[in-house]
Amino acid sequence: MDRITKLKDFLQANPRDSFLKHALALEYIKFEDDRTAREIFEEILTQDPGYIGSYYHLAKLLERTGDTNAAIQWYEKGMEAAKKAGDNHAFGELRSAHEELTF
């Protein structure tokens, strides 16, 4: 059984599990299904805005696909969420990626 199928099976039992959804989105990126990955990341951040890791990966996906304005917005939202959560490491990574894109 492939990883996507396994993750979907786990999500059947835990449909709101942000960790599982995040892992699923990363698998879709591996298979170059950016649309599905983006939808999953956006769903995570709508339902669980404190799931900091998804901000970076969503913004990187958007940056890679040429949606620079949306990437900037997600980096900024992620920095705000990381700061609120006291996650200085994530804040630094998001800020660094944001600065690379905006300077």
PDB file of N, CA and C in Angstrom:
ATOM      1  N   MET A   1       0.857  -1.185   0.000  1.00  0.00           N
ATOM      2  CA  MET A   1       0.000   0.000   0.000  1.00  0.00           C
ATOM      3  C   MET A   1       0.899   1.242   0.000  1.00  0.00           C
ATOM      4  N   ASP A   2       0.603   2.199  -0.851  1.00  0.00           N
ATOM      5  CA  ASP A   2       1.442   3.384  -0.921  1.00  0.00           C
ATOM      6  C   ASP A   2       1.129   4.351   0.229  1.00  0.00           C
ATOM      7  N   ARG A   3       1.992   5.315   0.426  1.00  0.00           N
ATOM      8  CA  ARG A   3       1.875   6.237   1.563  1.00  0.00           C
ATOM      9  C   ARG A   3       0.594   7.071   1.501  1.00  0.00           C
ATOM     10  N   ILE A   4       0.194   7.516   0.318  1.00  0.00           N
ATOM     11  CA  ILE A   4      -1.027   8.315   0.211  1.00  0.00           C
ATOM     12  C   ILE A   4      -2.230   7.509   0.681  1.00  0.00           C
ATOM     13  N   THR A   5      -2.307   6.280   0.243  1.00  0.00           N
ATOM     14  CA  THR A   5      -3.419   5.421   0.657  1.00  0.00           C
ATOM     15  C   THR A   5      -3.405   5.196   2.163  1.00  0.00           C
ATOM     16  N   LYS A   6      -2.230   4.939   2.717  1.00  0.00           N
ATOM     17  CA  LYS A   6      -2.119   4.739   4.168  1.00  0.00           C
ATOM     18  C   LYS A   6      -2.562   5.986   4.927  1.00  0.00           C
ATOM     19  N   LEU A   7      -2.098   7.134   4.480  1.00  0.00           N
ATOM     20  CA  LEU A   7      -2.465   8.383   5.164  1.00  0.00           C
ATOM     21  C   LEU A   7      -3.962   8.643   5.075  1.00  0.00           C
ATOM     22  N   LYS A   8      -4.541   8.357   3.916  1.00  0.00           N
ATOM     23  CA  LYS A   8      -5.995   8.524   3.776  1.00  0.00           C
ATOM     24  C   LYS A   8      -6.750   7.576   4.702  1.00  0.00           C
ATOM     25  N   ASP A   9      -6.236   6.362   4.850  1.00  0.00           N
ATOM     26  CA  ASP A   9      -6.858   5.407   5.771  1.00  0.00           C
ATOM     27  C   ASP A   9      -6.797   5.927   7.209  1.00  0.00           C
ATOM     28  N   PHE A  10      -5.645   6.452   7.615  1.00  0.00           N
ATOM     29  CA  PHE A  10      -5.510   7.021   8.961  1.00  0.00           C
ATOM     30  C   PHE A  10      -6.460   8.206   9.145  1.00  0.00           C
ATOM     31  N   LEU A  11      -6.618   9.002   8.093  1.00  0.00           N
ATOM     32  CA  LEU A  11      -7.507  10.171   8.178  1.00  0.00           C
ATOM     33  C   LEU A  11      -8.973   9.773   8.277  1.00  0.00           C
ATOM     34  N   GLN A  12      -9.320   8.593   7.801  1.00  0.00           N
ATOM     35  CA  GLN A  12     -10.690   8.101   7.971  1.00  0.00           C
ATOM     36  C   GLN A  12     -11.038   8.035   9.453  1.00  0.00           C
ATOM     37  N   ALA A  13     -10.075   7.593  10.246  1.00  0.00           N
ATOM     38  CA  ALA A  13     -10.290   7.453  11.687  1.00  0.00           C
ATOM     39  C   ALA A  13     -10.107   8.778  12.427  1.00  0.00           C
ATOM     40  N   ASN A  14      -9.277   9.673  11.879  1.00  0.00           N
ATOM     41  CA  ASN A  14      -8.966  10.955  12.526  1.00  0.00           C
ATOM     42  C   ASN A  14      -9.039  12.081  11.493  1.00  0.00           C
ATOM     43  N   PRO A  15     -10.218  12.437  11.018  1.00  0.00           N
ATOM     44  CA  PRO A  15     -10.344  13.364   9.890  1.00  0.00           C
ATOM     45  C   PRO A  15      -9.850  14.790  10.143  1.00  0.00           C
ATOM     46  N   ARG A  16      -9.658  15.176  11.385  1.00  0.00           N
ATOM     47  CA  ARG A  16      -9.199  16.540  11.669  1.00  0.00           C
ATOM     48  C   ARG A  16      -7.738  16.580  12.118  1.00  0.00           C
ATOM     49  N   ASP A  17      -7.019  15.497  11.930  1.00  0.00           N
ATOM     50  CA  ASP A  17      -5.631  15.403  12.372  1.00  0.00           C
ATOM     51  C   ASP A  17      -4.717  16.197  11.427  1.00  0.00           C
ATOM     52  N   SER A  18      -4.245  17.341  11.905  1.00  0.00           N
ATOM     53  CA  SER A  18      -3.425  18.222  11.069  1.00  0.00           C
ATOM     54  C   SER A  18      -2.101  17.586  10.679  1.00  0.00           C
ATOM     55  N   PHE A  19      -1.517  16.803  11.568  1.00  0.00           N
ATOM     56  CA  PHE A  19      -0.261  16.136  11.250  1.00  0.00           C
ATOM     57  C   PHE A  19      -0.430  15.194  10.060  1.00  0.00           C
ATOM     58  N   LEU A  20      -1.486  14.394  10.084  1.00  0.00           N
ATOM     59  CA  LEU A  20      -1.740  13.463   8.983  1.00  0.00           C
ATOM     60  C   LEU A  20      -2.023  14.210   7.679  1.00  0.00           C
ATOM     61  N   LYS A  21      -2.806  15.274   7.770  1.00  0.00           N
ATOM     62  CA  LYS A  21      -3.097  16.069   6.572  1.00  0.00           C
ATOM     63  C   LYS A  21      -1.826  16.691   6.006  1.00  0.00           C
ATOM     64  N   HIS A  22      -0.978  17.213   6.893  1.00  0.00           N
ATOM     65  CA  HIS A  22       0.274  17.817   6.463  1.00  0.00           C
ATOM     66  C   HIS A  22       1.137  16.784   5.736  1.00  0.00           C
ATOM     67  N   ALA A  23       1.245  15.595   6.317  1.00  0.00           N
ATOM     68  CA  ALA A  23       2.014  14.518   5.690  1.00  0.00           C
ATOM     69  C   ALA A  23       1.431  14.153   4.327  1.00  0.00           C
ATOM     70  N   LEU A  24       0.106  14.135   4.231  1.00  0.00           N
ATOM     71  CA  LEU A  24      -0.553  13.827   2.962  1.00  0.00           C
ATOM     72  C   LEU A  24      -0.236  14.896   1.909  1.00  0.00           C
ATOM     73  N   ALA A  25      -0.289  16.148   2.299  1.00  0.00           N
ATOM     74  CA  ALA A  25       0.038  17.232   1.364  1.00  0.00           C
ATOM     75  C   ALA A  25       1.468  17.100   0.858  1.00  0.00           C
ATOM     76  N   LEU A  26       2.389  16.761   1.738  1.00  0.00           N
ATOM     77  CA  LEU A  26       3.784  16.577   1.317  1.00  0.00           C
ATOM     78  C   LEU A  26       3.929  15.424   0.332  1.00  0.00           C
ATOM     79  N   GLU A  27       3.142  14.381   0.522  1.00  0.00           N
ATOM     80  CA  GLU A  27       3.164  13.267  -0.425  1.00  0.00           C
ATOM     81  C   GLU A  27       2.663  13.712  -1.804  1.00  0.00           C
ATOM     82  N   TYR A  28       1.620  14.518  -1.820  1.00  0.00           N
ATOM     83  CA  TYR A  28       1.116  15.014  -3.103  1.00  0.00           C
ATOM     84  C   TYR A  28       2.150  15.881  -3.806  1.00  0.00           C
ATOM     85  N   ILE A  29       2.921  16.646  -3.040  1.00  0.00           N
ATOM     86  CA  ILE A  29       3.993  17.439  -3.646  1.00  0.00           C
ATOM     87  C   ILE A  29       5.006  16.521  -4.313  1.00  0.00           C
ATOM     88  N   LYS A  30       5.336  15.417  -3.657  1.00  0.00           N
ATOM     89  CA  LYS A  30       6.292  14.461  -4.241  1.00  0.00           C
ATOM     90  C   LYS A  30       5.813  13.952  -5.596  1.00  0.00           C
ATOM     91  N   PHE A  31       4.490  13.835  -5.740  1.00  0.00           N
ATOM     92  CA  PHE A  31       3.915  13.350  -6.999  1.00  0.00           C
ATOM     93  C   PHE A  31       3.525  14.490  -7.933  1.00  0.00           C
ATOM     94  N   GLU A  32       4.003  15.699  -7.593  1.00  0.00           N
ATOM     95  CA  GLU A  32       3.789  16.909  -8.402  1.00  0.00           C
ATOM     96  C   GLU A  32       2.316  17.253  -8.578  1.00  0.00           C
ATOM     97  N   ASP A  33       1.513  16.929  -7.580  1.00  0.00           N
ATOM     98  CA  ASP A  33       0.101  17.305  -7.577  1.00  0.00           C
ATOM     99  C   ASP A  33      -0.038  18.526  -6.659  1.00  0.00           C
ATOM    100  N   ASP A  34       0.414  19.664  -7.189  1.00  0.00           N
ATOM    101  CA  ASP A  34       0.448  20.895  -6.400  1.00  0.00           C
ATOM    102  C   ASP A  34      -0.944  21.397  -6.037  1.00  0.00           C
ATOM    103  N   ARG A  35      -1.899  21.196  -6.913  1.00  0.00           N
ATOM    104  CA  ARG A  35      -3.261  21.669  -6.645  1.00  0.00           C
ATOM    105  C   ARG A  35      -3.833  20.998  -5.401  1.00  0.00           C
ATOM    106  N   THR A  36      -3.706  19.678  -5.345  1.00  0.00           N
ATOM    107  CA  THR A  36      -4.232  18.944  -4.198  1.00  0.00           C
ATOM    108  C   THR A  36      -3.464  19.300  -2.928  1.00  0.00           C
ATOM    109  N   ALA A  37      -2.149  19.389  -3.030  1.00  0.00           N
ATOM    110  CA  ALA A  37      -1.337  19.764  -1.867  1.00  0.00           C
ATOM    111  C   ALA A  37      -1.750  21.133  -1.348  1.00  0.00           C
ATOM    112  N   ARG A  38      -1.940  22.077  -2.253  1.00  0.00           N
ATOM    113  CA  ARG A  38      -2.345  23.427  -1.840  1.00  0.00           C
ATOM    114  C   ARG A  38      -3.696  23.394  -1.118  1.00  0.00           C
ATOM    115  N   GLU A  39      -4.638  22.650  -1.679  1.00  0.00           N
ATOM    116  CA  GLU A  39      -5.966  22.546  -1.045  1.00  0.00           C
ATOM    117  C   GLU A  39      -5.858  21.984   0.364  1.00  0.00           C
ATOM    118  N   ILE A  40      -5.018  20.985   0.537  1.00  0.00           N
ATOM    119  CA  ILE A  40      -4.875  20.366   1.860  1.00  0.00           C
ATOM    120  C   ILE A  40      -4.214  21.335   2.832  1.00  0.00           C
ATOM    121  N   PHE A  41      -3.137  21.995   2.411  1.00  0.00           N
ATOM    122  CA  PHE A  41      -2.486  22.968   3.284  1.00  0.00           C
ATOM    123  C   PHE A  41      -3.454  24.083   3.686  1.00  0.00           C
ATOM    124  N   GLU A  42      -4.223  24.580   2.721  1.00  0.00           N
ATOM    125  CA  GLU A  42      -5.178  25.648   3.033  1.00  0.00           C
ATOM    126  C   GLU A  42      -6.266  25.159   3.986  1.00  0.00           C
ATOM    127  N   GLU A  43      -6.685  23.919   3.822  1.00  0.00           N
ATOM    128  CA  GLU A  43      -7.674  23.336   4.742  1.00  0.00           C
ATOM    129  C   GLU A  43      -7.102  23.249   6.153  1.00  0.00           C
ATOM    130  N   ILE A  44      -5.856  22.791   6.260  1.00  0.00           N
ATOM    131  CA  ILE A  44      -5.210  22.699   7.569  1.00  0.00           C
ATOM    132  C   ILE A  44      -5.204  24.067   8.247  1.00  0.00           C
ATOM    133  N   LEU A  45      -4.748  25.078   7.513  1.00  0.00           N
ATOM    134  CA  LEU A  45      -4.564  26.394   8.116  1.00  0.00           C
ATOM    135  C   LEU A  45      -5.880  27.108   8.378  1.00  0.00           C
ATOM    136  N   THR A  46      -6.933  26.706   7.701  1.00  0.00           N
ATOM    137  CA  THR A  46      -8.261  27.242   7.997  1.00  0.00           C
ATOM    138  C   THR A  46      -8.791  26.617   9.280  1.00  0.00           C
ATOM    139  N   GLN A  47      -8.622  25.309   9.416  1.00  0.00           N
ATOM    140  CA  GLN A  47      -9.140  24.588  10.586  1.00  0.00           C
ATOM    141  C   GLN A  47      -8.222  24.682  11.804  1.00  0.00           C
ATOM    142  N   ASP A  48      -6.924  24.813  11.561  1.00  0.00           N
ATOM    143  CA  ASP A  48      -5.941  24.779  12.651  1.00  0.00           C
ATOM    144  C   ASP A  48      -4.839  25.807  12.371  1.00  0.00           C
ATOM    145  N   PRO A  49      -5.137  27.101  12.521  1.00  0.00           N
ATOM    146  CA  PRO A  49      -4.157  28.136  12.187  1.00  0.00           C
ATOM    147  C   PRO A  49      -2.885  28.085  13.040  1.00  0.00           C
ATOM    148  N   GLY A  50      -2.896  27.300  14.082  1.00  0.00           N
ATOM    149  CA  GLY A  50      -1.710  27.138  14.912  1.00  0.00           C
ATOM    150  C   GLY A  50      -0.774  26.044  14.437  1.00  0.00           C
ATOM    151  N   TYR A  51      -1.104  25.389  13.325  1.00  0.00           N
ATOM    152  CA  TYR A  51      -0.236  24.343  12.796  1.00  0.00           C
ATOM    153  C   TYR A  51       0.847  25.011  11.938  1.00  0.00           C
ATOM    154  N   ILE A  52       1.880  25.483  12.608  1.00  0.00           N
ATOM    155  CA  ILE A  52       2.871  26.397  12.046  1.00  0.00           C
ATOM    156  C   ILE A  52       3.597  25.841  10.814  1.00  0.00           C
ATOM    157  N   GLY A  53       3.962  24.582  10.813  1.00  0.00           N
ATOM    158  CA  GLY A  53       4.757  24.017   9.725  1.00  0.00           C
ATOM    159  C   GLY A  53       4.108  24.113   8.355  1.00  0.00           C
ATOM    160  N   SER A  54       2.798  24.132   8.318  1.00  0.00           N
ATOM    161  CA  SER A  54       2.113  24.172   7.021  1.00  0.00           C
ATOM    162  C   SER A  54       2.235  25.529   6.334  1.00  0.00           C
ATOM    163  N   TYR A  55       2.455  26.584   7.090  1.00  0.00           N
ATOM    164  CA  TYR A  55       2.619  27.907   6.466  1.00  0.00           C
ATOM    165  C   TYR A  55       3.834  27.915   5.543  1.00  0.00           C
ATOM    166  N   TYR A  56       4.934  27.405   6.050  1.00  0.00           N
ATOM    167  CA  TYR A  56       6.171  27.404   5.268  1.00  0.00           C
ATOM    168  C   TYR A  56       6.005  26.574   3.999  1.00  0.00           C
ATOM    169  N   HIS A  57       5.472  25.382   4.144  1.00  0.00           N
ATOM    170  CA  HIS A  57       5.360  24.492   2.984  1.00  0.00           C
ATOM    171  C   HIS A  57       4.357  25.018   1.957  1.00  0.00           C
ATOM    172  N   LEU A  58       3.268  25.594   2.415  1.00  0.00           N
ATOM    173  CA  LEU A  58       2.310  26.189   1.479  1.00  0.00           C
ATOM    174  C   LEU A  58       2.942  27.361   0.753  1.00  0.00           C
ATOM    175  N   ALA A  59       3.614  28.233   1.482  1.00  0.00           N
ATOM    176  CA  ALA A  59       4.233  29.397   0.848  1.00  0.00           C
ATOM    177  C   ALA A  59       5.314  28.966  -0.146  1.00  0.00           C
ATOM    178  N   LYS A  60       6.110  27.969   0.206  1.00  0.00           N
ATOM    179  CA  LYS A  60       7.134  27.469  -0.725  1.00  0.00           C
ATOM    180  C   LYS A  60       6.499  26.903  -1.995  1.00  0.00           C
ATOM    181  N   LEU A  61       5.400  26.169  -1.839  1.00  0.00           N
ATOM    182  CA  LEU A  61       4.682  25.623  -2.990  1.00  0.00           C
ATOM    183  C   LEU A  61       4.211  26.776  -3.884  1.00  0.00           C
ATOM    184  N   LEU A  62       3.622  27.789  -3.284  1.00  0.00           N
ATOM    185  CA  LEU A  62       3.117  28.934  -4.049  1.00  0.00           C
ATOM    186  C   LEU A  62       4.260  29.680  -4.732  1.00  0.00           C
ATOM    187  N   GLU A  63       5.349  29.826  -4.029  1.00  0.00           N
ATOM    188  CA  GLU A  63       6.533  30.480  -4.593  1.00  0.00           C
ATOM    189  C   GLU A  63       7.029  29.698  -5.811  1.00  0.00           C
ATOM    190  N   ARG A  64       7.130  28.387  -5.655  1.00  0.00           N
ATOM    191  CA  ARG A  64       7.618  27.522  -6.739  1.00  0.00           C
ATOM    192  C   ARG A  64       6.704  27.554  -7.961  1.00  0.00           C
ATOM    193  N   THR A  65       5.396  27.700  -7.723  1.00  0.00           N
ATOM    194  CA  THR A  65       4.447  27.695  -8.840  1.00  0.00           C
ATOM    195  C   THR A  65       4.185  29.099  -9.400  1.00  0.00           C
ATOM    196  N   GLY A  66       4.903  30.090  -8.879  1.00  0.00           N
ATOM    197  CA  GLY A  66       4.824  31.426  -9.450  1.00  0.00           C
ATOM    198  C   GLY A  66       3.794  32.354  -8.839  1.00  0.00           C
ATOM    199  N   ASP A  67       3.125  31.938  -7.788  1.00  0.00           N
ATOM    200  CA  ASP A  67       2.121  32.786  -7.135  1.00  0.00           C
ATOM    201  C   ASP A  67       2.798  33.538  -5.981  1.00  0.00           C
ATOM    202  N   THR A  68       3.667  34.472  -6.357  1.00  0.00           N
ATOM    203  CA  THR A  68       4.513  35.178  -5.404  1.00  0.00           C
ATOM    204  C   THR A  68       3.708  35.967  -4.377  1.00  0.00           C
ATOM    205  N   ASN A  69       2.676  36.666  -4.811  1.00  0.00           N
ATOM    206  CA  ASN A  69       1.886  37.470  -3.870  1.00  0.00           C
ATOM    207  C   ASN A  69       1.238  36.603  -2.795  1.00  0.00           C
ATOM    208  N   ALA A  70       0.678  35.474  -3.200  1.00  0.00           N
ATOM    209  CA  ALA A  70       0.067  34.570  -2.222  1.00  0.00           C
ATOM    210  C   ALA A  70       1.138  33.985  -1.295  1.00  0.00           C
ATOM    211  N   ALA A  71       2.303  33.662  -1.844  1.00  0.00           N
ATOM    212  CA  ALA A  71       3.390  33.129  -1.021  1.00  0.00           C
ATOM    213  C   ALA A  71       3.780  34.140   0.055  1.00  0.00           C
ATOM    214  N   ILE A  72       3.929  35.384  -0.331  1.00  0.00           N
ATOM    215  CA  ILE A  72       4.281  36.441   0.624  1.00  0.00           C
ATOM    216  C   ILE A  72       3.235  36.531   1.724  1.00  0.00           C
ATOM    217  N   GLN A  73       1.970  36.496   1.343  1.00  0.00           N
ATOM    218  CA  GLN A  73       0.893  36.581   2.332  1.00  0.00           C
ATOM    219  C   GLN A  73       0.945  35.411   3.317  1.00  0.00           C
ATOM    220  N   TRP A  74       1.209  34.204   2.812  1.00  0.00           N
ATOM    221  CA  TRP A  74       1.261  33.043   3.701  1.00  0.00           C
ATOM    222  C   TRP A  74       2.494  33.078   4.591  1.00  0.00           C
ATOM    223  N   TYR A  75       3.632  33.560   4.072  1.00  0.00           N
ATOM    224  CA  TYR A  75       4.797  33.726   4.940  1.00  0.00           C
ATOM    225  C   TYR A  75       4.466  34.694   6.075  1.00  0.00           C
ATOM    226  N   GLU A  76       3.798  35.789   5.741  1.00  0.00           N
ATOM    227  CA  GLU A  76       3.454  36.785   6.754  1.00  0.00           C
ATOM    228  C   GLU A  76       2.468  36.235   7.784  1.00  0.00           C
ATOM    229  N   LYS A  77       1.468  35.498   7.314  1.00  0.00           N
ATOM    230  CA  LYS A  77       0.525  34.869   8.252  1.00  0.00           C
ATOM    231  C   LYS A  77       1.257  33.867   9.139  1.00  0.00           C
ATOM    232  N   GLY A  78       2.179  33.126   8.552  1.00  0.00           N
ATOM    233  CA  GLY A  78       2.945  32.148   9.314  1.00  0.00           C
ATOM    234  C   GLY A  78       3.830  32.804  10.360  1.00  0.00           C
ATOM    235  N   MET A  79       4.474  33.924  10.002  1.00  0.00           N
ATOM    236  CA  MET A  79       5.299  34.635  10.979  1.00  0.00           C
ATOM    237  C   MET A  79       4.449  35.115  12.147  1.00  0.00           C
ATOM    238  N   GLU A  80       3.272  35.611  11.841  1.00  0.00           N
ATOM    239  CA  GLU A  80       2.356  36.064  12.883  1.00  0.00           C
ATOM    240  C   GLU A  80       1.951  34.903  13.803  1.00  0.00           C
ATOM    241  N   ALA A  81       1.608  33.775  13.205  1.00  0.00           N
ATOM    242  CA  ALA A  81       1.208  32.605  13.994  1.00  0.00           C
ATOM    243  C   ALA A  81       2.375  32.070  14.824  1.00  0.00           C
ATOM    244  N   ALA A  82       3.575  32.036  14.229  1.00  0.00           N
ATOM    245  CA  ALA A  82       4.750  31.540  14.951  1.00  0.00           C
ATOM    246  C   ALA A  82       5.096  32.462  16.119  1.00  0.00           C
ATOM    247  N   LYS A  83       4.999  33.744  15.882  1.00  0.00           N
ATOM    248  CA  LYS A  83       5.275  34.704  16.950  1.00  0.00           C
ATOM    249  C   LYS A  83       4.269  34.536  18.086  1.00  0.00           C
ATOM    250  N   LYS A  84       3.017  34.399  17.738  1.00  0.00           N
ATOM    251  CA  LYS A  84       1.951  34.199  18.728  1.00  0.00           C
ATOM    252  C   LYS A  84       2.193  32.920  19.540  1.00  0.00           C
ATOM    253  N   ALA A  85       2.683  31.878  18.865  1.00  0.00           N
ATOM    254  CA  ALA A  85       2.929  30.597  19.524  1.00  0.00           C
ATOM    255  C   ALA A  85       4.269  30.564  20.273  1.00  0.00           C
ATOM    256  N   GLY A  86       5.084  31.593  20.081  1.00  0.00           N
ATOM    257  CA  GLY A  86       6.399  31.614  20.707  1.00  0.00           C
ATOM    258  C   GLY A  86       7.386  30.666  20.058  1.00  0.00           C
ATOM    259  N   ASP A  87       7.147  30.324  18.803  1.00  0.00           N
ATOM    260  CA  ASP A  87       8.011  29.397  18.064  1.00  0.00           C
ATOM    261  C   ASP A  87       9.050  30.218  17.293  1.00  0.00           C
ATOM    262  N   ASN A  88      10.149  30.544  17.960  1.00  0.00           N
ATOM    263  CA  ASN A  88      11.172  31.402  17.365  1.00  0.00           C
ATOM    264  C   ASN A  88      11.883  30.744  16.189  1.00  0.00           C
ATOM    265  N   HIS A  89      12.048  29.439  16.251  1.00  0.00           N
ATOM    266  CA  HIS A  89      12.701  28.728  15.141  1.00  0.00           C
ATOM    267  C   HIS A  89      11.869  28.839  13.860  1.00  0.00           C
ATOM    268  N   ALA A  90      10.587  28.532  13.962  1.00  0.00           N
ATOM    269  CA  ALA A  90       9.710  28.629  12.789  1.00  0.00           C
ATOM    270  C   ALA A  90       9.618  30.080  12.321  1.00  0.00           C
ATOM    271  N   PHE A  91       9.530  31.003  13.256  1.00  0.00           N
ATOM    272  CA  PHE A  91       9.477  32.418  12.881  1.00  0.00           C
ATOM    273  C   PHE A  91      10.703  32.793  12.059  1.00  0.00           C
ATOM    274  N   GLY A  92      11.875  32.358  12.505  1.00  0.00           N
ATOM    275  CA  GLY A  92      13.109  32.662  11.782  1.00  0.00           C
ATOM    276  C   GLY A  92      13.134  32.072  10.381  1.00  0.00           C
ATOM    277  N   GLU A  93      12.665  30.841  10.246  1.00  0.00           N
ATOM    278  CA  GLU A  93      12.632  30.206   8.923  1.00  0.00           C
ATOM    279  C   GLU A  93      11.659  30.931   7.991  1.00  0.00           C
ATOM    280  N   LEU A  94      10.502  31.271   8.518  1.00  0.00           N
ATOM    281  CA  LEU A  94       9.507  31.980   7.716  1.00  0.00           C
ATOM    282  C   LEU A  94      10.008  33.366   7.329  1.00  0.00           C
ATOM    283  N   ARG A  95      10.613  34.055   8.270  1.00  0.00           N
ATOM    284  CA  ARG A  95      11.131  35.401   7.990  1.00  0.00           C
ATOM    285  C   ARG A  95      12.233  35.341   6.943  1.00  0.00           C
ATOM    286  N   SER A  96      13.124  34.368   7.070  1.00  0.00           N
ATOM    287  CA  SER A  96      14.211  34.226   6.107  1.00  0.00           C
ATOM    288  C   SER A  96      13.690  33.977   4.689  1.00  0.00           C
ATOM    289  N   ALA A  97      12.722  33.074   4.579  1.00  0.00           N
ATOM    290  CA  ALA A  97      12.128  32.777   3.265  1.00  0.00           C
ATOM    291  C   ALA A  97      11.391  33.996   2.725  1.00  0.00           C
ATOM    292  N   HIS A  98      10.710  34.705   3.585  1.00  0.00           N
ATOM    293  CA  HIS A  98       9.990  35.929   3.211  1.00  0.00           C
ATOM    294  C   HIS A  98      10.959  36.987   2.694  1.00  0.00           C
ATOM    295  N   GLU A  99      12.050  37.180   3.414  1.00  0.00           N
ATOM    296  CA  GLU A  99      13.039  38.179   3.012  1.00  0.00           C
ATOM    297  C   GLU A  99      13.680  37.821   1.682  1.00  0.00           C
ATOM    298  N   GLU A 100      13.974  36.548   1.462  1.00  0.00           N
ATOM    299  CA  GLU A 100      14.556  36.121   0.186  1.00  0.00           C
ATOM    300  C   GLU A 100      13.616  36.449  -0.971  1.00  0.00           C
ATOM    301  N   LEU A 101      12.332  36.347  -0.712  1.00  0.00           N
ATOM    302  CA  LEU A 101      11.347  36.556  -1.766  1.00  0.00           C
ATOM    303  C   LEU A 101      11.053  38.044  -1.990  1.00  0.00           C
ATOM    304  N   THR A 102      11.169  38.848  -0.949  1.00  0.00           N
ATOM    305  CA  THR A 102      10.755  40.250  -1.066  1.00  0.00           C
ATOM    306  C   THR A 102      11.906  41.219  -1.268  1.00  0.00           C
ATOM    307  N   PHE A 103      13.146  40.754  -1.158  1.00  0.00           N
ATOM    308  CA  PHE A 103      14.269  41.670  -1.364  1.00  0.00           C
ATOM    309  C   PHE A 103      15.010  41.373  -2.624  1.00  0.00           C
TER     310      PHE A 103
END
